[in-house]
């Protein structure tokens, strides 16, 4: 049975006391993706597999996809949590997007209208359909809107 890579989006506030930016992720090279407590986001983490890719999305005032990370382990119980339903995965830095793709740009794409990022804006981990992943990759290589 062959493995089909899945694509995800993981959100993180880049600033503040618990913030973790892509810059920090790049310096650290790898980290444990923890702190997720929302039931639907936890369900998505439980579906992650080693080798899956995730788009790194900065929340807060930035609201933009900025890079790519890779899932390097299967989900496992969060060692820092007392409740065994909380799970984590290990991830490593993969690359930066050529340029960030903003939430406003994504909302401007008709094909994205049913995607969780647009519909359930507070969800911190979500799947990214391959067509949407590919379109964001394309958008990241284009000039920003309003610039030639």
Protein backbone atom coordinates (compact mmCIF):
# COMPACT_ATOMS: atom_id res chain seq x y z
CA UNK A 1 0.00 0.00 0.00
CA UNK A 2 1.52 3.33 -1.04
CA UNK A 3 1.56 6.46 1.06
CA UNK A 4 -0.09 9.60 -0.28
CA UNK A 5 1.27 12.79 1.23
CA UNK A 6 -1.28 15.05 2.86
CA UNK A 7 -1.08 18.81 3.11
CA UNK A 8 -1.91 20.87 6.20
CA UNK A 9 -1.99 24.42 7.41
CA UNK A 10 -0.74 25.17 10.92
CA UNK A 11 -1.23 28.58 12.50
CA UNK A 12 0.96 30.36 14.98
CA UNK A 13 1.09 33.86 16.41
CA UNK A 14 4.60 35.11 15.56
CA UNK A 15 4.89 37.62 18.43
CA UNK A 16 4.01 37.76 22.09
CA UNK A 17 5.09 35.61 25.03
CA UNK A 18 3.98 32.28 23.50
CA UNK A 19 4.58 33.33 19.92
CA UNK A 20 6.66 31.25 17.55
CA UNK A 21 7.56 32.73 14.19
CA UNK A 22 8.86 31.04 11.07
CA UNK A 23 12.15 32.87 11.74
CA UNK A 24 12.43 31.04 15.07
CA UNK A 25 11.40 27.74 13.46
CA UNK A 26 14.12 28.20 10.86
CA UNK A 27 16.73 28.86 13.58
CA UNK A 28 15.57 25.86 15.65
CA UNK A 29 15.40 23.63 12.52
CA UNK A 30 12.85 21.38 14.30
CA UNK A 31 10.29 21.54 17.10
CA UNK A 32 7.35 19.77 18.70
CA UNK A 33 4.03 21.14 17.41
CA UNK A 34 2.15 21.34 20.70
CA UNK A 35 -0.38 23.44 22.55
CA UNK A 36 -3.36 22.50 20.35
CA UNK A 37 -6.52 22.00 22.42
CA UNK A 38 -9.40 22.45 19.94
CA UNK A 39 -11.11 19.09 19.27
CA UNK A 40 -11.27 19.51 15.48
CA UNK A 41 -7.64 20.70 15.28
CA UNK A 42 -6.59 17.71 17.43
CA UNK A 43 -8.46 15.39 15.08
CA UNK A 44 -6.45 16.86 12.20
CA UNK A 45 -3.17 16.33 14.08
CA UNK A 46 -4.16 12.70 14.70
CA UNK A 47 -4.48 12.32 10.91
CA UNK A 48 -0.99 13.64 10.19
CA UNK A 49 1.67 11.25 8.98
CA UNK A 50 5.44 11.39 8.83
CA UNK A 51 6.37 13.07 5.53
CA UNK A 52 3.26 15.27 5.28
CA UNK A 53 3.86 18.94 4.55
CA UNK A 54 2.30 21.85 6.39
CA UNK A 55 1.99 25.47 5.41
CA UNK A 56 3.20 27.73 8.23
CA UNK A 57 0.70 30.54 8.73
CA UNK A 58 1.31 33.62 10.88
CA UNK A 59 -1.82 34.81 12.70
CA UNK A 60 -2.33 38.09 14.53
CA UNK A 61 -1.72 41.23 12.53
CA UNK A 62 0.11 39.37 9.72
CA UNK A 63 -2.52 36.80 8.67
CA UNK A 64 -0.45 35.19 5.92
CA UNK A 65 1.14 31.92 4.84
CA UNK A 66 4.91 32.32 5.12
CA UNK A 67 6.62 28.94 4.82
CA UNK A 68 6.59 25.15 4.65
CA UNK A 69 7.39 22.66 7.40
CA UNK A 70 7.49 18.85 7.30
CA UNK A 71 5.91 16.43 9.77
CA UNK A 72 8.70 14.13 10.98
CA UNK A 73 6.82 11.80 13.35
CA UNK A 74 3.47 10.15 13.73
CA UNK A 75 1.20 11.84 16.31
CA UNK A 76 1.96 10.94 19.92
CA UNK A 77 0.59 11.96 23.34
CA UNK A 78 1.68 15.45 24.41
CA UNK A 79 4.34 14.82 27.07
CA UNK A 80 3.54 18.20 28.65
CA UNK A 81 -0.18 17.54 29.09
CA UNK A 82 -1.97 15.51 31.72
CA UNK A 83 -4.83 14.62 29.37
CA UNK A 84 -3.89 11.84 26.93
CA UNK A 85 -6.29 13.17 24.28
CA UNK A 86 -3.82 16.00 23.58
CA UNK A 87 -1.44 14.95 20.84
CA UNK A 88 1.60 16.49 19.16
CA UNK A 89 3.83 15.87 16.15
CA UNK A 90 7.46 16.74 15.55
CA UNK A 91 8.11 19.06 12.62
CA UNK A 92 11.13 20.49 10.83
CA UNK A 93 11.70 23.63 8.82
CA UNK A 94 11.55 23.03 5.07
CA UNK A 95 11.45 26.39 3.25
CA UNK A 96 10.09 29.90 3.10
CA UNK A 97 7.52 30.87 0.52
CA UNK A 98 9.04 33.12 -2.14
CA UNK A 99 6.67 35.75 -0.78
CA UNK A 100 3.93 35.54 1.88
CA UNK A 101 0.38 34.93 0.68
CA UNK A 102 -2.13 36.94 2.70
CA UNK A 103 -5.51 35.84 3.98
CA UNK A 104 -7.10 38.61 1.90
CA UNK A 105 -5.53 37.14 -1.25
CA UNK A 106 -6.83 33.70 -0.32
CA UNK A 107 -10.30 35.08 0.37
CA UNK A 108 -10.20 36.58 -3.13
CA UNK A 109 -9.88 33.10 -4.67
CA UNK A 110 -13.33 31.66 -5.49
CA UNK A 111 -12.02 28.09 -5.16
CA UNK A 112 -11.12 28.78 -1.51
CA UNK A 113 -14.60 29.82 -0.34
CA UNK A 114 -15.40 26.47 1.35
CA UNK A 115 -11.93 25.95 2.84
CA UNK A 116 -11.71 25.99 6.66
CA UNK A 117 -9.23 28.88 6.71
CA UNK A 118 -11.91 31.10 5.20
CA UNK A 119 -14.91 29.51 6.99
CA UNK A 120 -13.52 28.69 10.48
CA UNK A 121 -10.88 31.34 10.97
CA UNK A 122 -9.98 30.34 14.56
CA UNK A 123 -9.04 26.74 13.72
CA UNK A 124 -5.27 26.29 14.26
CA UNK A 125 -4.67 23.09 12.26
CA UNK A 126 -6.52 22.13 9.10
CA UNK A 127 -6.12 20.08 5.95
CA UNK A 128 -5.25 21.85 2.71
CA UNK A 129 -6.75 20.28 -0.42
CA UNK A 130 -4.06 19.68 -3.08
CA UNK A 131 -5.63 22.18 -5.49
CA UNK A 132 -5.58 24.93 -2.84
CA UNK A 133 -2.00 24.02 -1.83
CA UNK A 134 -0.89 24.27 -5.46
CA UNK A 135 -2.67 27.61 -5.93
CA UNK A 136 -1.04 29.09 -2.81
CA UNK A 137 2.35 27.90 -4.10
CA UNK A 138 1.62 29.65 -7.40
CA UNK A 139 0.45 32.83 -5.67
CA UNK A 140 3.64 32.87 -3.60
CA UNK A 141 5.69 33.11 -6.80
CA UNK A 142 3.67 36.00 -8.24
CA UNK A 143 4.03 39.71 -7.58
CA UNK A 144 1.82 40.92 -4.74
CA UNK A 145 -1.58 42.29 -5.81
CA UNK A 146 -1.40 45.91 -6.84
CA UNK A 147 2.26 45.71 -7.89
CA UNK A 148 3.63 45.12 -11.35
